[in-house]
C-alpha atoms as a PDB file:
ATOM      1  CA  MET A   1     140.297 -84.974 107.216  1.00  0.00           C
ATOM      2  CA  ASP A   2     138.201 -85.492 104.104  1.00  0.00           C
ATOM      3  CA  GLN A   3     135.417 -83.090 103.452  1.00  0.00           C
ATOM      4  CA  THR A   4     132.458 -84.206 101.446  1.00  0.00           C
ATOM      5  CA  PRO A   5     131.513 -81.775  98.674  1.00  0.00           C
ATOM      6  CA  GLU A   6     128.261 -79.943  99.118  1.00  0.00           C
ATOM      7  CA  THR A   7     125.567 -81.217  96.820  1.00  0.00           C
ATOM      8  CA  GLU A   8     123.762 -78.577  94.774  1.00  0.00           C
ATOM      9  CA  ALA A   9     119.996 -78.448  94.968  1.00  0.00           C
ATOM     10  CA  PRO A  10     118.390 -79.924  91.846  1.00  0.00           C
ATOM     11  CA  GLN A  11     117.059 -77.365  89.396  1.00  0.00           C
ATOM     12  CA  THR A  12     113.326 -77.542  88.909  1.00  0.00           C
ATOM     13  CA  ASP A  13     110.989 -75.825  86.501  1.00  0.00           C
ATOM     14  CA  ALA A  14     108.368 -75.265  89.192  1.00  0.00           C
ATOM     15  CA  PRO A  15     107.112 -71.644  89.312  1.00  0.00           C
ATOM     16  CA  LYS A  16     108.118 -69.480  92.212  1.00  0.00           C
ATOM     17  CA  LYS A  17     105.712 -68.997  95.061  1.00  0.00           C
ATOM     18  CA  ASP A  18     104.890 -65.425  94.051  1.00  0.00           C
ATOM     19  CA  GLU A  19     104.215 -66.414  90.429  1.00  0.00           C
ATOM     20  CA  SER A  20     101.958 -69.325  91.381  1.00  0.00           C
ATOM     21  CA  SER A  21      99.999 -67.202  93.842  1.00  0.00           C
ATOM     22  CA  GLY A  22      99.552 -64.569  91.120  1.00  0.00           C
ATOM     23  CA  LEU A  23      98.165 -67.170  88.724  1.00  0.00           C
ATOM     24  CA  ILE A  24      95.777 -68.487  91.357  1.00  0.00           C
ATOM     25  CA  GLN A  25      94.579 -64.951  92.073  1.00  0.00           C
ATOM     26  CA  LYS A  26      93.875 -64.343  88.384  1.00  0.00           C
ATOM     27  CA  ILE A  27      91.938 -67.591  88.088  1.00  0.00           C
ATOM     28  CA  GLN A  28      89.885 -66.767  91.167  1.00  0.00           C
ATOM     29  CA  SER A  29      89.183 -63.206  90.010  1.00  0.00           C
ATOM     30  CA  LEU A  30      88.702 -63.620  86.273  1.00  0.00           C
ATOM     31  CA  GLY A  31      88.392 -67.356  85.610  1.00  0.00           C
ATOM     32  CA  GLN A  32      91.441 -67.330  83.333  1.00  0.00           C
ATOM     33  CA  THR A  33      95.195 -66.813  83.475  1.00  0.00           C
ATOM     34  CA  ASN A  34      95.750 -64.695  80.378  1.00  0.00           C
ATOM     35  CA  VAL A  35      93.865 -61.398  80.413  1.00  0.00           C
ATOM     36  CA  PRO A  36      93.518 -59.532  77.084  1.00  0.00           C
ATOM     37  CA  THR A  37      95.189 -56.123  77.252  1.00  0.00           C
ATOM     38  CA  MET A  38      94.133 -52.894  75.572  1.00  0.00           C
ATOM     39  CA  GLU A  39      97.666 -51.712  74.807  1.00  0.00           C
ATOM     40  CA  GLY A  40      97.746 -49.247  71.953  1.00  0.00           C
ATOM     41  CA  SER A  41      93.968 -48.737  71.961  1.00  0.00           C
ATOM     42  CA  SER A  42      92.643 -45.183  71.962  1.00  0.00           C
ATOM     43  CA  ILE A  43      89.183 -46.275  73.183  1.00  0.00           C
ATOM     44  CA  HIS A  44      88.254 -46.523  76.852  1.00  0.00           C
ATOM     45  CA  CYS A  45      85.523 -49.005  77.801  1.00  0.00           C
ATOM     46  CA  LEU A  46      83.327 -48.027  80.769  1.00  0.00           C
ATOM     47  CA  THR A  47      81.002 -50.721  82.131  1.00  0.00           C
ATOM     48  CA  ILE A  48      77.908 -49.924  84.196  1.00  0.00           C
ATOM     49  CA  VAL A  49      76.454 -53.114  85.648  1.00  0.00           C
ATOM     50  CA  GLY A  50      74.156 -54.218  88.441  1.00  0.00           C
ATOM     51  CA  GLN A  51      72.602 -51.482  90.560  1.00  0.00           C
ATOM     52  CA  ILE A  52      73.843 -47.892  90.485  1.00  0.00           C
ATOM     53  CA  GLU A  53      74.830 -47.026  94.034  1.00  0.00           C
ATOM     54  CA  GLY A  54      74.209 -43.507  95.298  1.00  0.00           C
ATOM     55  CA  HIS A  55      74.623 -41.958  98.720  1.00  0.00           C
ATOM     56  CA  MET A  56      73.370 -45.081 100.511  1.00  0.00           C
ATOM     57  CA  GLN A  57      75.661 -48.107 100.487  1.00  0.00           C
ATOM     58  CA  LEU A  58      74.071 -51.286  99.124  1.00  0.00           C
ATOM     59  CA  PRO A  59      74.389 -54.701 100.815  1.00  0.00           C
ATOM     60  CA  PRO A  60      77.645 -56.531  99.984  1.00  0.00           C
ATOM     61  CA  ASN A  61      75.835 -59.295  98.064  1.00  0.00           C
ATOM     62  CA  ASN A  62      74.455 -56.766  95.541  1.00  0.00           C
ATOM     63  CA  LYS A  63      76.255 -56.310  92.244  1.00  0.00           C
ATOM     64  CA  ALA A  64      76.714 -52.535  92.166  1.00  0.00           C
ATOM     65  CA  THR A  65      78.355 -49.714  90.229  1.00  0.00           C
ATOM     66  CA  LYS A  66      79.508 -46.934  92.545  1.00  0.00           C
ATOM     67  CA  TYR A  67      79.213 -43.430  91.135  1.00  0.00           C
ATOM     68  CA  GLU A  68      82.245 -42.244  93.125  1.00  0.00           C
ATOM     69  CA  HIS A  69      84.296 -44.746  91.100  1.00  0.00           C
ATOM     70  CA  LEU A  70      82.940 -43.628  87.709  1.00  0.00           C
ATOM     71  CA  ILE A  71      83.250 -39.856  88.151  1.00  0.00           C
ATOM     72  CA  PRO A  72      87.083 -39.845  88.554  1.00  0.00           C
ATOM     73  CA  GLN A  73      87.339 -42.197  85.565  1.00  0.00           C
ATOM     74  CA  LEU A  74      85.342 -39.786  83.392  1.00  0.00           C
ATOM     75  CA  VAL A  75      87.522 -36.865  84.491  1.00  0.00           C
ATOM     76  CA  ALA A  76      90.639 -38.914  83.640  1.00  0.00           C
ATOM     77  CA  ILE A  77      89.177 -39.815  80.223  1.00  0.00           C
ATOM     78  CA  GLU A  78      88.630 -36.137  79.458  1.00  0.00           C
ATOM     79  CA  GLN A  79      92.187 -35.230  80.504  1.00  0.00           C
ATOM     80  CA  ASN A  80      94.045 -38.158  78.941  1.00  0.00           C
ATOM     81  CA  HIS A  81      95.226 -37.216  75.431  1.00  0.00           C
ATOM     82  CA  LYS A  82      95.788 -40.874  74.532  1.00  0.00           C
ATOM     83  CA  ILE A  83      92.063 -41.635  74.905  1.00  0.00           C
ATOM     84  CA  GLU A  84      90.150 -40.511  71.825  1.00  0.00           C
ATOM     85  CA  GLY A  85      86.752 -42.121  72.430  1.00  0.00           C
ATOM     86  CA  LEU A  86      84.521 -43.677  75.089  1.00  0.00           C
ATOM     87  CA  LEU A  87      82.470 -46.874  74.838  1.00  0.00           C
ATOM     88  CA  VAL A  88      79.829 -47.214  77.575  1.00  0.00           C
ATOM     89  CA  ILE A  89      78.390 -50.708  78.073  1.00  0.00           C
ATOM     90  CA  LEU A  90      75.263 -51.017  80.202  1.00  0.00           C
ATOM     91  CA  ASN A  91      73.602 -53.972  81.853  1.00  0.00           C
ATOM     92  CA  THR A  92      71.954 -52.285  84.815  1.00  0.00           C
ATOM     93  CA  VAL A  93      68.692 -52.502  86.741  1.00  0.00           C
ATOM     94  CA  GLY A  94      68.864 -48.797  87.606  1.00  0.00           C
ATOM     95  CA  GLY A  95      69.350 -47.362  91.055  1.00  0.00           C
ATOM     96  CA  ASP A  96      69.906 -43.943  92.611  1.00  0.00           C
ATOM     97  CA  VAL A  97      68.353 -41.200  90.480  1.00  0.00           C
ATOM     98  CA  GLU A  98      70.757 -38.386  91.340  1.00  0.00           C
ATOM     99  CA  ALA A  99      73.828 -40.613  90.937  1.00  0.00           C
ATOM    100  CA  GLY A 100      72.537 -41.812  87.556  1.00  0.00           C
ATOM    101  CA  LEU A 101      71.867 -38.255  86.394  1.00  0.00           C
ATOM    102  CA  ALA A 102      75.323 -37.170  87.580  1.00  0.00           C
ATOM    103  CA  ILE A 103      76.950 -39.914  85.478  1.00  0.00           C
ATOM    104  CA  SER A 104      74.715 -39.030  82.517  1.00  0.00           C
ATOM    105  CA  GLU A 105      75.612 -35.341  82.664  1.00  0.00           C
ATOM    106  CA  MET A 106      79.321 -36.115  82.799  1.00  0.00           C
ATOM    107  CA  ILE A 107      79.184 -38.435  79.779  1.00  0.00           C
ATOM    108  CA  ALA A 108      77.099 -35.904  77.835  1.00  0.00           C
ATOM    109  CA  SER A 109      79.557 -33.086  78.616  1.00  0.00           C
ATOM    110  CA  LEU A 110      82.683 -34.946  77.425  1.00  0.00           C
ATOM    111  CA  SER A 111      84.477 -33.262  74.542  1.00  0.00           C
ATOM    112  CA  LYS A 112      85.468 -36.668  73.145  1.00  0.00           C
ATOM    113  CA  PRO A 113      83.171 -38.915  71.063  1.00  0.00           C
ATOM    114  CA  SER A 114      81.119 -41.456  73.001  1.00  0.00           C
ATOM    115  CA  VAL A 115      78.946 -44.439  72.097  1.00  0.00           C
ATOM    116  CA  SER A 116      76.688 -46.418  74.433  1.00  0.00           C
ATOM    117  CA  LEU A 117      75.585 -50.035  74.118  1.00  0.00           C
ATOM    118  CA  VAL A 118      72.721 -51.559  76.101  1.00  0.00           C
ATOM    119  CA  LEU A 119      73.256 -55.277  76.665  1.00  0.00           C
ATOM    120  CA  GLY A 120      70.747 -57.294  78.671  1.00  0.00           C
ATOM    121  CA  GLY A 121      69.059 -54.304  80.261  1.00  0.00           C
ATOM    122  CA  GLY A 122      69.331 -50.555  80.669  1.00  0.00           C
ATOM    123  CA  HIS A 123      66.470 -50.083  83.076  1.00  0.00           C
ATOM    124  CA  SER A 124      65.140 -47.131  85.058  1.00  0.00           C
ATOM    125  CA  ILE A 125      67.895 -44.516  85.577  1.00  0.00           C
ATOM    126  CA  GLY A 126      69.987 -46.518  83.101  1.00  0.00           C
ATOM    127  CA  VAL A 127      67.864 -44.914  80.350  1.00  0.00           C
ATOM    128  CA  PRO A 128      69.388 -41.411  80.762  1.00  0.00           C
ATOM    129  CA  ILE A 129      72.878 -42.931  80.860  1.00  0.00           C
ATOM    130  CA  ALA A 130      72.215 -44.835  77.627  1.00  0.00           C
ATOM    131  CA  VAL A 131      71.058 -41.713  75.760  1.00  0.00           C
ATOM    132  CA  SER A 132      73.808 -39.462  77.188  1.00  0.00           C
ATOM    133  CA  ALA A 133      76.362 -40.694  74.631  1.00  0.00           C
ATOM    134  CA  ASP A 134      76.740 -39.141  71.179  1.00  0.00           C
ATOM    135  CA  TYR A 135      75.313 -42.316  69.601  1.00  0.00           C
ATOM    136  CA  SER A 136      73.495 -45.234  71.207  1.00  0.00           C
ATOM    137  CA  PHE A 137      73.030 -48.921  70.383  1.00  0.00           C
ATOM    138  CA  ILE A 138      70.840 -51.619  71.908  1.00  0.00           C
ATOM    139  CA  ALA A 139      71.090 -55.385  71.476  1.00  0.00           C
ATOM    140  CA  PRO A 140      68.046 -57.002  69.819  1.00  0.00           C
ATOM    141  CA  THR A 141      67.200 -58.933  73.013  1.00  0.00           C
ATOM    142  CA  ALA A 142      67.962 -56.098  75.459  1.00  0.00           C
ATOM    143  CA  THR A 143      65.204 -54.242  77.319  1.00  0.00           C
ATOM    144  CA  MET A 144      64.739 -50.840  78.909  1.00  0.00           C
ATOM    145  CA  THR A 145      62.192 -50.286  81.686  1.00  0.00           C
ATOM    146  CA  ILE A 146      60.647 -46.813  81.751  1.00  0.00           C
ATOM    147  CA  HIS A 147      58.672 -46.008  84.901  1.00  0.00           C
ATOM    148  CA  PRO A 148      57.939 -43.075  87.231  1.00  0.00           C
ATOM    149  CA  VAL A 149      60.433 -42.014  89.908  1.00  0.00           C
ATOM    150  CA  ARG A 150      59.913 -43.818  93.213  1.00  0.00           C
ATOM    151  CA  LEU A 151      61.052 -43.476  96.807  1.00  0.00           C
ATOM    152  CA  THR A 152      61.941 -46.298  99.178  1.00  0.00           C
ATOM    153  CA  GLY A 153      62.020 -46.240 102.972  1.00  0.00           C
ATOM    154  CA  LEU A 154      60.314 -43.653 105.175  1.00  0.00           C
ATOM    155  CA  VAL A 155      58.161 -41.202 103.186  1.00  0.00           C
ATOM    156  CA  ILE A 156      56.600 -38.115 104.788  1.00  0.00           C
ATOM    157  CA  GLY A 157      53.045 -37.801 103.522  1.00  0.00           C
ATOM    158  CA  VAL A 158      52.942 -34.073 102.734  1.00  0.00           C
ATOM    159  CA  PRO A 159      52.391 -32.176  99.452  1.00  0.00           C
ATOM    160  CA  GLN A 160      56.068 -31.144  99.397  1.00  0.00           C
ATOM    161  CA  THR A 161      57.098 -34.793  99.029  1.00  0.00           C
ATOM    162  CA  PHE A 162      54.958 -35.129  95.910  1.00  0.00           C
ATOM    163  CA  GLU A 163      56.375 -31.872  94.511  1.00  0.00           C
ATOM    164  CA  TYR A 164      59.919 -33.124  95.141  1.00  0.00           C
ATOM    165  CA  LEU A 165      59.201 -36.361  93.261  1.00  0.00           C
ATOM    166  CA  ASP A 166      57.504 -34.471  90.446  1.00  0.00           C
ATOM    167  CA  LYS A 167      60.470 -32.119  89.980  1.00  0.00           C
ATOM    168  CA  MET A 168      62.950 -35.017  90.062  1.00  0.00           C
ATOM    169  CA  GLN A 169      60.866 -36.809  87.453  1.00  0.00           C
ATOM    170  CA  ASP A 170      60.862 -33.696  85.268  1.00  0.00           C
ATOM    171  CA  ARG A 171      64.683 -33.654  85.434  1.00  0.00           C
ATOM    172  CA  VAL A 172      64.811 -37.217  84.095  1.00  0.00           C
ATOM    173  CA  ILE A 173      62.240 -36.531  81.358  1.00  0.00           C
ATOM    174  CA  SER A 174      64.000 -33.321  80.298  1.00  0.00           C
ATOM    175  CA  PHE A 175      67.404 -35.026  80.047  1.00  0.00           C
ATOM    176  CA  VAL A 176      66.143 -38.037  78.081  1.00  0.00           C
ATOM    177  CA  THR A 177      64.117 -36.000  75.589  1.00  0.00           C
ATOM    178  CA  SER A 178      66.952 -33.495  75.015  1.00  0.00           C
ATOM    179  CA  HIS A 179      69.524 -36.251  74.347  1.00  0.00           C
ATOM    180  CA  SER A 180      67.395 -38.537  72.149  1.00  0.00           C
ATOM    181  CA  GLU A 181      64.804 -38.331  69.394  1.00  0.00           C
ATOM    182  CA  ILE A 182      61.853 -39.398  71.565  1.00  0.00           C
ATOM    183  CA  THR A 183      59.177 -36.788  72.217  1.00  0.00           C
ATOM    184  CA  GLU A 184      58.145 -35.772  75.721  1.00  0.00           C
ATOM    185  CA  GLU A 185      54.575 -36.946  75.062  1.00  0.00           C
ATOM    186  CA  ARG A 186      55.710 -40.411  73.948  1.00  0.00           C
ATOM    187  CA  PHE A 187      58.145 -40.776  76.846  1.00  0.00           C
ATOM    188  CA  LYS A 188      55.464 -39.848  79.378  1.00  0.00           C
ATOM    189  CA  GLU A 189      53.062 -42.259  77.672  1.00  0.00           C
ATOM    190  CA  LEU A 190      55.567 -45.096  78.156  1.00  0.00           C
ATOM    191  CA  MET A 191      56.330 -43.971  81.717  1.00  0.00           C
ATOM    192  CA  PHE A 192      52.706 -43.901  82.907  1.00  0.00           C
ATOM    193  CA  SER A 193      51.358 -46.796  80.853  1.00  0.00           C
ATOM    194  CA  LYS A 194      49.203 -49.295  82.735  1.00  0.00           C
ATOM    195  CA  GLY A 195      49.256 -53.043  82.196  1.00  0.00           C
ATOM    196  CA  ASN A 196      52.732 -53.393  80.702  1.00  0.00           C
ATOM    197  CA  LEU A 197      54.331 -54.107  84.069  1.00  0.00           C
ATOM    198  CA  THR A 198      52.797 -56.547  86.523  1.00  0.00           C
ATOM    199  CA  ARG A 199      50.998 -54.669  89.346  1.00  0.00           C
ATOM    200  CA  ASP A 200      52.867 -51.512  88.392  1.00  0.00           C
ATOM    201  CA  ILE A 201      53.036 -48.490  86.074  1.00  0.00           C
ATOM    202  CA  GLY A 202      55.589 -48.352  83.291  1.00  0.00           C
ATOM    203  CA  THR A 203      56.731 -50.055  80.104  1.00  0.00           C
ATOM    204  CA  ASN A 204      59.324 -52.617  79.083  1.00  0.00           C
ATOM    205  CA  VAL A 205      60.793 -51.477  75.766  1.00  0.00           C
ATOM    206  CA  ILE A 206      62.651 -54.133  73.762  1.00  0.00           C
ATOM    207  CA  GLY A 207      65.451 -53.540  71.216  1.00  0.00           C
ATOM    208  CA  THR A 208      63.693 -52.530  68.000  1.00  0.00           C
ATOM    209  CA  ASP A 209      60.867 -50.759  69.874  1.00  0.00           C
ATOM    210  CA  ALA A 210      63.396 -48.501  71.611  1.00  0.00           C
ATOM    211  CA  VAL A 211      64.752 -47.535  68.179  1.00  0.00           C
ATOM    212  CA  SER A 212      61.335 -46.993  66.596  1.00  0.00           C
ATOM    213  CA  ASP A 213      60.331 -44.726  69.508  1.00  0.00           C
ATOM    214  CA  GLY A 214      63.481 -42.651  68.974  1.00  0.00           C
ATOM    215  CA  LEU A 215      64.923 -43.500  72.371  1.00  0.00           C
ATOM    216  CA  ILE A 216      67.982 -45.350  70.964  1.00  0.00           C
ATOM    217  CA  ASN A 217      69.691 -44.649  67.635  1.00  0.00           C
ATOM    218  CA  GLU A 218      70.288 -48.165  66.345  1.00  0.00           C
ATOM    219  CA  VAL A 219      70.012 -51.904  67.039  1.00  0.00           C
ATOM    220  CA  GLY A 220      73.443 -53.527  67.168  1.00  0.00           C
ATOM    221  CA  GLY A 221      76.207 -55.108  69.196  1.00  0.00           C
ATOM    222  CA  VAL A 222      79.836 -54.588  70.124  1.00  0.00           C
ATOM    223  CA  GLY A 223      81.120 -54.668  66.526  1.00  0.00           C
ATOM    224  CA  GLN A 224      78.682 -52.024  65.310  1.00  0.00           C
ATOM    225  CA  ALA A 225      79.291 -49.857  68.388  1.00  0.00           C
ATOM    226  CA  LEU A 226      83.072 -49.883  67.928  1.00  0.00           C
ATOM    227  CA  LYS A 227      82.745 -49.200  64.200  1.00  0.00           C
ATOM    228  CA  LYS A 228      80.531 -46.173  64.871  1.00  0.00           C
ATOM    229  CA  LEU A 229      82.857 -44.910  67.595  1.00  0.00           C
ATOM    230  CA  ASN A 230      85.851 -45.109  65.264  1.00  0.00           C
ATOM    231  CA  GLU A 231      83.873 -43.135  62.671  1.00  0.00           C
ATOM    232  CA  LEU A 232      83.083 -40.459  65.257  1.00  0.00           C
ATOM    233  CA  ILE A 233      86.750 -40.329  66.313  1.00  0.00           C
ATOM    234  CA  GLU A 234      87.885 -39.832  62.708  1.00  0.00           C
ATOM    235  CA  ALA A 235      85.264 -37.117  62.182  1.00  0.00           C
ATOM    236  CA  ASN A 236      86.391 -35.412  65.395  1.00  0.00           C
ATOM    237  CA  LYS A 237      90.026 -35.483  64.237  1.00  0.00           C
ATOM    238  CA  LYS A 238      89.055 -33.882  60.914  1.00  0.00           C
ATOM    239  CA  GLU A 239      87.169 -31.119  62.731  1.00  0.00           C
ATOM    240  CA  GLU A 240      90.186 -30.449  64.961  1.00  0.00           C
ATOM    241  CA  ASP A 241      92.545 -30.383  61.953  1.00  0.00           C
ATOM    242  CA  LYS A 242      90.184 -28.054  60.111  1.00  0.00           C
ATOM    243  CA  GLY A 243      90.116 -25.725  63.112  1.00  0.00           C
ATOM    244  CA  LEU A 244      93.919 -25.639  63.272  1.00  0.00           C
ATOM    245  CA  THR A 245      94.361 -24.848  59.565  1.00  0.00           C
ATOM    246  CA  GLN A 246      91.861 -21.996  59.493  1.00  0.00           C
END
């Protein structure tokens, strides 16, 4: 009895199901299929965008940076010998004061060189984060809003509440003035200024004004920030080599 030979399935160049689903996922997540990699780079880029989330979880439709995500990253940056410098990019509206100060203190206490760059906005508690780096840049069109500390939700109307706010505000003022060239008097003047913000107290400081007040070191963008960071990395290497040879 004749047996008909089995026909082989035609070879096609169509991508496998797993590959095609991976491409679709990349397009949905990033808007592109090829994502630039940072292989071989000794610089870690940390982005702080949207609202800084503290102990209270924000609604899901809010763009937020969670401090519990940033703190382990900063610890890993300090421990990883392959990372020689940190670039912090900010476009934030501010958020939780204690979470912002916690991030600021961690960046300031890193043993590795760090540079911050304010793009768009570095408002409210974003100001201490911006000045926590070894050197800071701000884009010419970027702004920083400086205003007093505020509370939202239920507030108990007793003198202790005012004292709590006053002490928290002093913590912010002390950190900013000790990590930048701005004086305490000038920072308080900007913080309590009337008429600069609609129906509110505070000041919007734009690019060059932030530099002239001593809040930010220099006006610039990504290129200038990376160039400065590389200079700081080279200077740090020379200091380490000098320490080893002595």
